[in-house]
Amino acid sequence: MNFELLEQSVQYTFSSESYTNGKLTRSLKNVTKDATASALAQVGQALSSLQGDTLSDAILIQKQNIKLV
């Protein structure tokens, strides 16, 4: 049996005193299958810079099909 990658998204967590509980989570869908960890981190850092906060976490979320045959 093998896995087949169907889709993936990335979830960023940003920290700032201005957010409720000090954290804000944003998710971006339709991440390309060949995206690198470095590229995803750069996007998170760019968003953090625009928002004036700190990037505290980045999680790649994958949806995969299990091929049964």
PDB file of N, CA and C in Angstrom:
ATOM      1  N   MET A   1       0.835  -1.182   0.000  1.00  0.00           N
ATOM      2  CA  MET A   1       0.000   0.000   0.000  1.00  0.00           C
ATOM      3  C   MET A   1       0.877   1.241   0.000  1.00  0.00           C
ATOM      4  N   ASN A   2       0.396   2.255  -0.678  1.00  0.00           N
ATOM      5  CA  ASN A   2       1.120   3.512  -0.770  1.00  0.00           C
ATOM      6  C   ASN A   2       0.207   4.679  -0.445  1.00  0.00           C
ATOM      7  N   PHE A   3       0.838   5.815  -0.170  1.00  0.00           N
ATOM      8  CA  PHE A   3       0.106   7.053   0.033  1.00  0.00           C
ATOM      9  C   PHE A   3       0.084   7.852  -1.257  1.00  0.00           C
ATOM     10  N   GLU A   4      -0.991   8.606  -1.468  1.00  0.00           N
ATOM     11  CA  GLU A   4      -1.084   9.531  -2.590  1.00  0.00           C
ATOM     12  C   GLU A   4      -1.451  10.892  -2.009  1.00  0.00           C
ATOM     13  N   LEU A   5      -0.554  11.867  -2.158  1.00  0.00           N
ATOM     14  CA  LEU A   5      -0.789  13.207  -1.630  1.00  0.00           C
ATOM     15  C   LEU A   5      -1.889  13.886  -2.427  1.00  0.00           C
ATOM     16  N   LEU A   6      -2.975  14.240  -1.751  1.00  0.00           N
ATOM     17  CA  LEU A   6      -4.112  14.886  -2.407  1.00  0.00           C
ATOM     18  C   LEU A   6      -4.020  16.402  -2.326  1.00  0.00           C
ATOM     19  N   GLU A   7      -3.726  16.920  -1.154  1.00  0.00           N
ATOM     20  CA  GLU A   7      -3.622  18.372  -0.971  1.00  0.00           C
ATOM     21  C   GLU A   7      -2.848  18.646   0.305  1.00  0.00           C
ATOM     22  N   GLN A   8      -2.354  19.863   0.405  1.00  0.00           N
ATOM     23  CA  GLN A   8      -1.690  20.257   1.631  1.00  0.00           C
ATOM     24  C   GLN A   8      -1.893  21.737   1.887  1.00  0.00           C
ATOM     25  N   SER A   9      -1.821  22.082   3.151  1.00  0.00           N
ATOM     26  CA  SER A   9      -1.969  23.467   3.574  1.00  0.00           C
ATOM     27  C   SER A   9      -0.921  23.734   4.647  1.00  0.00           C
ATOM     28  N   VAL A  10      -0.766  25.002   4.988  1.00  0.00           N
ATOM     29  CA  VAL A  10       0.176  25.370   6.039  1.00  0.00           C
ATOM     30  C   VAL A  10      -0.561  26.232   7.057  1.00  0.00           C
ATOM     31  N   GLN A  11      -0.269  25.983   8.309  1.00  0.00           N
ATOM     32  CA  GLN A  11      -0.867  26.758   9.395  1.00  0.00           C
ATOM     33  C   GLN A  11       0.245  27.518  10.107  1.00  0.00           C
ATOM     34  N   TYR A  12       0.109  28.841  10.176  1.00  0.00           N
ATOM     35  CA  TYR A  12       1.074  29.692  10.852  1.00  0.00           C
ATOM     36  C   TYR A  12       0.477  30.175  12.164  1.00  0.00           C
ATOM     37  N   THR A  13       1.296  30.232  13.196  1.00  0.00           N
ATOM     38  CA  THR A  13       0.890  30.822  14.463  1.00  0.00           C
ATOM     39  C   THR A  13       1.782  32.027  14.712  1.00  0.00           C
ATOM     40  N   PHE A  14       1.144  33.161  14.966  1.00  0.00           N
ATOM     41  CA  PHE A  14       1.844  34.418  15.208  1.00  0.00           C
ATOM     42  C   PHE A  14       1.624  34.836  16.654  1.00  0.00           C
ATOM     43  N   SER A  15       2.626  35.481  17.246  1.00  0.00           N
ATOM     44  CA  SER A  15       2.538  35.931  18.631  1.00  0.00           C
ATOM     45  C   SER A  15       2.603  37.447  18.701  1.00  0.00           C
ATOM     46  N   SER A  16       1.738  38.005  19.546  1.00  0.00           N
ATOM     47  CA  SER A  16       1.732  39.444  19.805  1.00  0.00           C
ATOM     48  C   SER A  16       0.846  39.698  21.018  1.00  0.00           C
ATOM     49  N   GLU A  17       1.181  40.692  21.798  1.00  0.00           N
ATOM     50  CA  GLU A  17       0.364  41.043  22.963  1.00  0.00           C
ATOM     51  C   GLU A  17      -1.012  41.539  22.551  1.00  0.00           C
ATOM     52  N   SER A  18      -1.149  42.007  21.313  1.00  0.00           N
ATOM     53  CA  SER A  18      -2.431  42.556  20.861  1.00  0.00           C
ATOM     54  C   SER A  18      -3.460  41.477  20.516  1.00  0.00           C
ATOM     55  N   TYR A  19      -3.039  40.213  20.415  1.00  0.00           N
ATOM     56  CA  TYR A  19      -3.951  39.123  20.075  1.00  0.00           C
ATOM     57  C   TYR A  19      -4.566  38.521  21.336  1.00  0.00           C
ATOM     58  N   THR A  20      -5.790  38.009  21.212  1.00  0.00           N
ATOM     59  CA  THR A  20      -6.420  37.287  22.309  1.00  0.00           C
ATOM     60  C   THR A  20      -5.541  36.084  22.658  1.00  0.00           C
ATOM     61  N   ASN A  21      -5.234  35.914  23.915  1.00  0.00           N
ATOM     62  CA  ASN A  21      -4.345  34.846  24.399  1.00  0.00           C
ATOM     63  C   ASN A  21      -2.934  34.964  23.836  1.00  0.00           C
ATOM     64  N   GLY A  22      -2.615  36.096  23.204  1.00  0.00           N
ATOM     65  CA  GLY A  22      -1.263  36.332  22.710  1.00  0.00           C
ATOM     66  C   GLY A  22      -0.907  35.643  21.411  1.00  0.00           C
ATOM     67  N   LYS A  23      -1.858  34.927  20.808  1.00  0.00           N
ATOM     68  CA  LYS A  23      -1.563  34.180  19.577  1.00  0.00           C
ATOM     69  C   LYS A  23      -2.663  34.347  18.545  1.00  0.00           C
ATOM     70  N   LEU A  24      -2.268  34.282  17.272  1.00  0.00           N
ATOM     71  CA  LEU A  24      -3.193  34.321  16.141  1.00  0.00           C
ATOM     72  C   LEU A  24      -2.780  33.218  15.176  1.00  0.00           C
ATOM     73  N   THR A  25      -3.747  32.439  14.705  1.00  0.00           N
ATOM     74  CA  THR A  25      -3.471  31.348  13.771  1.00  0.00           C
ATOM     75  C   THR A  25      -4.070  31.671  12.414  1.00  0.00           C
ATOM     76  N   ARG A  26      -3.278  31.467  11.366  1.00  0.00           N
ATOM     77  CA  ARG A  26      -3.747  31.649   9.989  1.00  0.00           C
ATOM     78  C   ARG A  26      -3.382  30.409   9.188  1.00  0.00           C
ATOM     79  N   SER A  27      -4.318  29.975   8.338  1.00  0.00           N
ATOM     80  CA  SER A  27      -4.077  28.810   7.479  1.00  0.00           C
ATOM     81  C   SER A  27      -4.151  29.225   6.022  1.00  0.00           C
ATOM     82  N   LEU A  28      -3.243  28.688   5.234  1.00  0.00           N
ATOM     83  CA  LEU A  28      -3.231  28.923   3.792  1.00  0.00           C
ATOM     84  C   LEU A  28      -3.396  27.579   3.100  1.00  0.00           C
ATOM     85  N   LYS A  29      -4.372  27.499   2.228  1.00  0.00           N
ATOM     86  CA  LYS A  29      -4.655  26.254   1.511  1.00  0.00           C
ATOM     87  C   LYS A  29      -3.901  26.202   0.189  1.00  0.00           C
ATOM     88  N   ASN A  30      -3.994  25.070  -0.470  1.00  0.00           N
ATOM     89  CA  ASN A  30      -3.445  24.847  -1.808  1.00  0.00           C
ATOM     90  C   ASN A  30      -1.935  25.074  -1.889  1.00  0.00           C
ATOM     91  N   VAL A  31      -1.212  24.585  -0.897  1.00  0.00           N
ATOM     92  CA  VAL A  31       0.243  24.647  -0.932  1.00  0.00           C
ATOM     93  C   VAL A  31       0.720  23.649  -1.981  1.00  0.00           C
ATOM     94  N   THR A  32       1.615  24.073  -2.863  1.00  0.00           N
ATOM     95  CA  THR A  32       2.091  23.187  -3.919  1.00  0.00           C
ATOM     96  C   THR A  32       2.800  21.974  -3.320  1.00  0.00           C
ATOM     97  N   LYS A  33       2.739  20.878  -4.029  1.00  0.00           N
ATOM     98  CA  LYS A  33       3.302  19.624  -3.536  1.00  0.00           C
ATOM     99  C   LYS A  33       4.825  19.660  -3.441  1.00  0.00           C
ATOM    100  N   ASP A  34       5.459  20.564  -4.183  1.00  0.00           N
ATOM    101  CA  ASP A  34       6.916  20.647  -4.153  1.00  0.00           C
ATOM    102  C   ASP A  34       7.429  21.785  -3.269  1.00  0.00           C
ATOM    103  N   ALA A  35       6.570  22.359  -2.432  1.00  0.00           N
ATOM    104  CA  ALA A  35       6.982  23.446  -1.541  1.00  0.00           C
ATOM    105  C   ALA A  35       8.013  22.928  -0.537  1.00  0.00           C
ATOM    106  N   THR A  36       9.039  23.733  -0.292  1.00  0.00           N
ATOM    107  CA  THR A  36      10.077  23.350   0.665  1.00  0.00           C
ATOM    108  C   THR A  36       9.795  23.982   2.028  1.00  0.00           C
ATOM    109  N   ALA A  37      10.368  23.401   3.053  1.00  0.00           N
ATOM    110  CA  ALA A  37      10.217  23.951   4.404  1.00  0.00           C
ATOM    111  C   ALA A  37      10.763  25.373   4.461  1.00  0.00           C
ATOM    112  N   SER A  38      11.866  25.604   3.776  1.00  0.00           N
ATOM    113  CA  SER A  38      12.472  26.933   3.747  1.00  0.00           C
ATOM    114  C   SER A  38      11.540  27.964   3.111  1.00  0.00           C
ATOM    115  N   ALA A  39      10.911  27.596   2.006  1.00  0.00           N
ATOM    116  CA  ALA A  39       9.995  28.514   1.319  1.00  0.00           C
ATOM    117  C   ALA A  39       8.775  28.817   2.183  1.00  0.00           C
ATOM    118  N   LEU A  40       8.238  27.805   2.846  1.00  0.00           N
ATOM    119  CA  LEU A  40       7.080  28.016   3.716  1.00  0.00           C
ATOM    120  C   LEU A  40       7.450  28.900   4.903  1.00  0.00           C
ATOM    121  N   ALA A  41       8.642  28.714   5.444  1.00  0.00           N
ATOM    122  CA  ALA A  41       9.108  29.556   6.544  1.00  0.00           C
ATOM    123  C   ALA A  41       9.275  31.001   6.084  1.00  0.00           C
ATOM    124  N   GLN A  42       9.776  31.209   4.868  1.00  0.00           N
ATOM    125  CA  GLN A  42       9.940  32.566   4.336  1.00  0.00           C
ATOM    126  C   GLN A  42       8.599  33.266   4.178  1.00  0.00           C
ATOM    127  N   VAL A  43       7.588  32.549   3.731  1.00  0.00           N
ATOM    128  CA  VAL A  43       6.242  33.127   3.612  1.00  0.00           C
ATOM    129  C   VAL A  43       5.738  33.535   4.992  1.00  0.00           C
ATOM    130  N   GLY A  44       5.904  32.664   5.965  1.00  0.00           N
ATOM    131  CA  GLY A  44       5.484  32.976   7.330  1.00  0.00           C
ATOM    132  C   GLY A  44       6.196  34.191   7.890  1.00  0.00           C
ATOM    133  N   GLN A  45       7.492  34.288   7.630  1.00  0.00           N
ATOM    134  CA  GLN A  45       8.265  35.447   8.092  1.00  0.00           C
ATOM    135  C   GLN A  45       7.793  36.727   7.407  1.00  0.00           C
ATOM    136  N   ALA A  46       7.478  36.644   6.114  1.00  0.00           N
ATOM    137  CA  ALA A  46       6.986  37.817   5.383  1.00  0.00           C
ATOM    138  C   ALA A  46       5.642  38.277   5.942  1.00  0.00           C
ATOM    139  N   LEU A  47       4.738  37.330   6.201  1.00  0.00           N
ATOM    140  CA  LEU A  47       3.445  37.678   6.795  1.00  0.00           C
ATOM    141  C   LEU A  47       3.638  38.306   8.169  1.00  0.00           C
ATOM    142  N   SER A  48       4.531  37.747   8.945  1.00  0.00           N
ATOM    143  CA  SER A  48       4.823  38.262  10.273  1.00  0.00           C
ATOM    144  C   SER A  48       5.344  39.694  10.207  1.00  0.00           C
ATOM    145  N   SER A  49       6.211  39.947   9.261  1.00  0.00           N
ATOM    146  CA  SER A  49       6.762  41.290   9.077  1.00  0.00           C
ATOM    147  C   SER A  49       5.672  42.291   8.708  1.00  0.00           C
ATOM    148  N   LEU A  50       4.776  41.903   7.813  1.00  0.00           N
ATOM    149  CA  LEU A  50       3.679  42.786   7.403  1.00  0.00           C
ATOM    150  C   LEU A  50       2.713  43.060   8.557  1.00  0.00           C
ATOM    151  N   GLN A  51       2.506  42.061   9.411  1.00  0.00           N
ATOM    152  CA  GLN A  51       1.556  42.191  10.513  1.00  0.00           C
ATOM    153  C   GLN A  51       2.174  42.844  11.741  1.00  0.00           C
ATOM    154  N   GLY A  52       3.500  42.914  11.789  1.00  0.00           N
ATOM    155  CA  GLY A  52       4.185  43.506  12.930  1.00  0.00           C
ATOM    156  C   GLY A  52       4.173  42.615  14.164  1.00  0.00           C
ATOM    157  N   ASP A  53       4.234  41.316  13.971  1.00  0.00           N
ATOM    158  CA  ASP A  53       4.244  40.379  15.087  1.00  0.00           C
ATOM    159  C   ASP A  53       5.396  39.396  14.919  1.00  0.00           C
ATOM    160  N   THR A  54       5.363  38.301  15.646  1.00  0.00           N
ATOM    161  CA  THR A  54       6.423  37.297  15.601  1.00  0.00           C
ATOM    162  C   THR A  54       5.851  35.960  15.149  1.00  0.00           C
ATOM    163  N   LEU A  55       6.507  35.333  14.184  1.00  0.00           N
ATOM    164  CA  LEU A  55       6.118  33.988  13.756  1.00  0.00           C
ATOM    165  C   LEU A  55       6.616  33.009  14.810  1.00  0.00           C
ATOM    166  N   SER A  56       5.692  32.277  15.433  1.00  0.00           N
ATOM    167  CA  SER A  56       6.100  31.358  16.495  1.00  0.00           C
ATOM    168  C   SER A  56       6.004  29.890  16.098  1.00  0.00           C
ATOM    169  N   ASP A  57       5.243  29.588  15.022  1.00  0.00           N
ATOM    170  CA  ASP A  57       5.092  28.188  14.639  1.00  0.00           C
ATOM    171  C   ASP A  57       4.598  28.086  13.201  1.00  0.00           C
ATOM    172  N   ALA A  58       4.999  27.036  12.517  1.00  0.00           N
ATOM    173  CA  ALA A  58       4.507  26.740  11.166  1.00  0.00           C
ATOM    174  C   ALA A  58       4.319  25.229  11.067  1.00  0.00           C
ATOM    175  N   ILE A  59       3.129  24.814  10.630  1.00  0.00           N
ATOM    176  CA  ILE A  59       2.803  23.389  10.544  1.00  0.00           C
ATOM    177  C   ILE A  59       2.296  23.075   9.145  1.00  0.00           C
ATOM    178  N   LEU A  60       2.916  22.102   8.488  1.00  0.00           N
ATOM    179  CA  LEU A  60       2.455  21.633   7.188  1.00  0.00           C
ATOM    180  C   LEU A  60       1.414  20.542   7.421  1.00  0.00           C
ATOM    181  N   ILE A  61       0.224  20.710   6.844  1.00  0.00           N
ATOM    182  CA  ILE A  61      -0.873  19.760   7.008  1.00  0.00           C
ATOM    183  C   ILE A  61      -1.107  19.075   5.669  1.00  0.00           C
ATOM    184  N   GLN A  62      -1.032  17.755   5.654  1.00  0.00           N
ATOM    185  CA  GLN A  62      -1.206  17.004   4.417  1.00  0.00           C
ATOM    186  C   GLN A  62      -2.438  16.113   4.490  1.00  0.00           C
ATOM    187  N   LYS A  63      -3.140  16.059   3.371  1.00  0.00           N
ATOM    188  CA  LYS A  63      -4.268  15.135   3.227  1.00  0.00           C
ATOM    189  C   LYS A  63      -3.829  14.103   2.196  1.00  0.00           C
ATOM    190  N   GLN A  64      -3.790  12.834   2.624  1.00  0.00           N
ATOM    191  CA  GLN A  64      -3.290  11.775   1.754  1.00  0.00           C
ATOM    192  C   GLN A  64      -4.301  10.644   1.646  1.00  0.00           C
ATOM    193  N   ASN A  65      -4.347  10.103   0.468  1.00  0.00           N
ATOM    194  CA  ASN A  65      -5.178   8.936   0.199  1.00  0.00           C
ATOM    195  C   ASN A  65      -4.312   7.689   0.382  1.00  0.00           C
ATOM    196  N   ILE A  66      -4.890   6.660   0.969  1.00  0.00           N
ATOM    197  CA  ILE A  66      -4.185   5.388   1.084  1.00  0.00           C
ATOM    198  C   ILE A  66      -4.661   4.503  -0.057  1.00  0.00           C
ATOM    199  N   LYS A  67      -3.737   4.196  -0.969  1.00  0.00           N
ATOM    200  CA  LYS A  67      -4.080   3.331  -2.097  1.00  0.00           C
ATOM    201  C   LYS A  67      -4.187   1.899  -1.594  1.00  0.00           C
ATOM    202  N   LEU A  68      -5.362   1.341  -1.709  1.00  0.00           N
ATOM    203  CA  LEU A  68      -5.612  -0.002  -1.185  1.00  0.00           C
ATOM    204  C   LEU A  68      -5.252  -1.104  -2.166  1.00  0.00           C
ATOM    205  N   VAL A  69      -5.054  -0.771  -3.419  1.00  0.00           N
ATOM    206  CA  VAL A  69      -4.741  -1.780  -4.423  1.00  0.00           C
ATOM    207  C   VAL A  69      -3.337  -1.572  -4.931  1.00  0.00           C
TER     208      VAL A  69
END
